[in-house]
Protein backbone atom coordinates (compact mmCIF):
# COMPACT_ATOMS: atom_id res chain seq x y z
CA MET A 1 75.32 136.61 119.80
CA ASN A 2 74.52 140.15 118.67
CA ARG A 3 77.35 141.76 116.83
CA SER A 4 76.63 145.36 116.19
CA LYS A 5 78.20 147.02 113.19
CA PRO A 6 79.74 150.43 113.41
CA ALA A 7 77.32 153.17 112.33
CA GLY A 8 79.37 154.06 109.27
CA HIS A 9 79.64 150.45 108.04
CA ASP A 10 76.28 150.41 106.20
CA LEU A 11 76.99 153.75 104.63
CA ALA A 12 80.45 152.62 103.51
CA ALA A 13 79.00 149.41 102.07
CA ASN A 14 76.36 151.39 100.15
CA VAL A 15 78.95 153.81 98.79
CA LEU A 16 81.17 150.90 97.74
CA ALA A 17 78.24 149.20 95.98
CA ALA A 18 77.37 152.45 94.19
CA GLU A 19 80.98 152.87 93.05
CA ARG A 20 81.06 149.31 91.69
CA ALA A 21 77.80 149.94 89.82
CA ALA A 22 79.14 153.22 88.45
CA ASN A 23 82.29 151.47 87.24
CA ARG A 24 80.14 148.93 85.37
CA SER A 25 78.38 151.74 83.56
CA ARG A 26 79.64 152.19 80.02
CA THR A 27 78.74 155.85 79.84
CA GLY A 28 81.00 158.75 80.58
CA GLY A 29 78.10 160.56 82.18
CA VAL A 30 75.12 162.41 80.83
CA TRP A 31 77.16 164.28 78.23
CA SER A 32 79.03 161.22 76.98
CA LEU A 33 79.86 160.75 73.31
CA GLY A 34 80.06 156.98 73.70
CA HIS A 35 77.27 156.41 71.21
CA LEU A 36 79.31 157.85 68.34
CA ARG A 37 81.43 154.72 67.97
CA ILE A 38 78.56 152.28 67.48
CA CYS A 39 76.64 154.76 65.34
CA TRP A 40 79.59 155.35 63.00
CA ILE A 41 80.27 151.60 62.73
CA ALA A 42 76.64 150.88 61.80
CA LEU A 43 76.51 153.86 59.43
CA LEU A 44 79.71 152.91 57.64
CA ALA A 45 78.57 149.30 57.26
CA ALA A 46 75.24 150.38 55.76
CA GLY A 47 76.97 153.02 53.62
CA LEU A 48 79.44 150.48 52.29
CA VAL A 49 76.61 148.15 51.25
CA MET A 50 74.71 151.04 49.66
CA THR A 51 77.82 152.24 47.84
CA LEU A 52 78.55 148.73 46.52
CA VAL A 53 74.97 148.29 45.31
CA ALA A 54 75.01 151.77 43.73
CA SER A 55 78.27 150.97 41.96
CA LEU A 56 77.00 147.67 40.60
CA VAL A 57 73.60 149.00 39.54
CA SER A 58 74.39 152.50 38.27
CA GLY A 59 78.14 153.06 38.16
CA SER A 60 80.68 155.36 39.72
CA LYS A 61 78.51 158.51 39.97
CA ALA A 62 75.93 156.52 41.92
CA ALA A 63 78.64 155.11 44.20
CA ALA A 64 80.02 158.62 44.79
CA GLY A 65 76.51 159.86 45.59
CA ALA A 66 75.90 157.03 48.05
CA ALA A 67 79.25 157.65 49.74
CA LEU A 68 78.52 161.39 50.00
CA GLY A 69 75.06 160.72 51.44
CA THR A 70 76.57 158.45 54.08
CA LEU A 71 79.15 161.09 54.99
CA ILE A 72 76.48 163.80 55.25
CA VAL A 73 74.49 161.74 57.77
CA GLY A 74 77.56 161.00 59.90
CA LEU A 75 78.70 164.61 59.96
CA PHE A 76 75.17 165.89 60.56
CA PHE A 77 74.61 163.76 63.69
CA SER A 78 78.19 163.97 64.99
CA PHE A 79 78.21 167.76 64.85
CA SER A 80 75.05 167.94 66.98
CA ALA A 81 76.38 165.42 69.49
CA LEU A 82 79.66 167.31 69.89
CA VAL A 83 77.97 170.68 70.32
CA ILE A 84 75.39 169.37 72.81
CA ALA A 85 77.97 167.45 74.85
CA ARG A 86 80.36 170.39 75.04
CA VAL A 87 77.68 172.90 76.01
CA GLY A 88 76.08 170.43 78.43
CA ARG A 89 79.34 169.91 80.32
CA HIS A 90 79.86 173.65 80.77
CA ASN A 91 76.32 175.02 81.07
CA PRO A 92 73.42 172.51 80.99
CA GLN A 93 70.86 175.34 80.95
CA LEU A 94 71.97 176.25 77.42
CA VAL A 95 71.68 172.77 75.89
CA MET A 96 68.35 173.34 74.15
CA LEU A 97 69.53 176.63 72.68
CA ALA A 98 72.78 174.99 71.53
CA ALA A 99 70.89 172.06 69.97
CA LEU A 100 68.55 174.37 68.09
CA GLY A 101 71.44 176.57 66.98
CA ALA A 102 73.42 173.56 65.78
CA TYR A 103 70.38 172.26 63.90
CA ALA A 104 69.77 175.61 62.19
CA PHE A 105 73.45 175.86 61.25
CA LYS A 106 73.45 172.32 59.80
CA ILE A 107 70.30 172.95 57.75
CA VAL A 108 71.75 176.14 56.27
CA VAL A 109 75.06 174.41 55.42
CA LEU A 110 73.23 171.42 53.93
CA GLY A 111 71.03 173.76 51.89
CA VAL A 112 74.06 175.61 50.53
CA VAL A 113 75.75 172.32 49.63
CA LEU A 114 72.66 170.98 47.88
CA VAL A 115 72.00 174.20 45.96
CA ALA A 116 75.66 174.46 44.89
CA MET A 117 75.77 170.81 43.76
CA PRO A 118 75.10 170.45 40.03
CA ARG A 119 72.40 167.90 39.09
CA ASP A 120 74.65 166.35 36.44
CA GLY A 121 77.90 166.54 38.42
CA VAL A 122 80.12 163.91 39.98
CA PHE A 123 77.44 162.74 42.44
CA ASP A 124 74.18 161.00 41.55
CA THR A 125 71.75 162.90 43.78
CA ARG A 126 69.13 160.12 43.78
CA TRP A 127 71.61 157.63 45.23
CA MET A 128 72.79 160.31 47.62
CA ALA A 129 69.22 160.82 48.83
CA GLY A 130 68.76 157.07 49.21
CA ALA A 131 71.97 156.81 51.23
CA ILE A 132 70.83 159.70 53.43
CA GLY A 133 67.55 157.88 54.10
CA LEU A 134 69.27 154.58 54.85
CA GLY A 135 71.92 156.32 56.94
CA LEU A 136 69.32 158.23 58.93
CA PHE A 137 67.48 155.08 60.00
CA THR A 138 70.72 153.16 60.57
CA TRP A 139 72.16 155.89 62.79
CA LEU A 140 68.94 156.28 64.77
CA GLY A 141 68.63 152.51 65.20
CA ALA A 142 72.22 152.22 66.45
CA HIS A 143 71.71 155.17 68.78
CA MET A 144 68.49 153.68 70.18
CA ARG A 145 70.24 150.35 70.76
CA TYR A 146 73.05 152.16 72.59
CA VAL A 147 70.60 154.02 74.81
CA TRP A 148 68.54 150.91 75.56
CA THR A 149 71.56 148.79 76.50
CA THR A 150 73.63 151.34 78.42
CA LYS A 151 73.34 151.71 82.17
CA VAL A 152 72.55 155.34 82.84
CA PHE A 153 72.43 156.60 86.40
CA TYR A 154 69.67 159.10 87.06
CA VAL A 155 71.09 159.95 90.47
CA ASP A 156 74.77 160.54 91.11
CA PRO A 157 75.92 157.57 93.22
CA HIS A 158 78.37 159.73 95.17
C-alpha cells in the first residue's frame, strides 16, 4: 500500500522541527545578552571570596579595593556587551566600530579613574588589581562556558 504524502507535508514537518529546535535554544539570537547573568553570578562569587580574603588578610581598605576591582570588571564587560548588542540589532555592519569605540571609551574612563585615585586612599590598589585579574579570568571562563553550552543557530530556521 503506497500512501503518498501531500507535497507540503515534508516542508511543514521540517519547519515544525526547526521551530522546536529554535525554542530549545537558550539564546535570544546573535545579539543576545543572555551571557550576562552567568558571568555576573560567577564574578560576584569570585569577588565575594576575594573581598573576604582581603578583609581577613589586610583589613577594610583591602576589602574595599577587592570590591572595587570586581565592580570594575563587571562594568567593563557589561558596557561592551550592551553597546555591541544594541548596535548589532540595528546595524550589524557597525559592530566592529562600536566595539572599538566602546573599548577606547572604557580605557580612557578607567585611566581617569586610576589616575584620580590616591595611592593611600580608601582603596588598596594592590588588592584592587588582584581582584581585576581574578575577575577577568572568572568572567571570561563563565562567558566561554556559556558559549560552549548554548545552542546557537548559524542559519535562521525560518
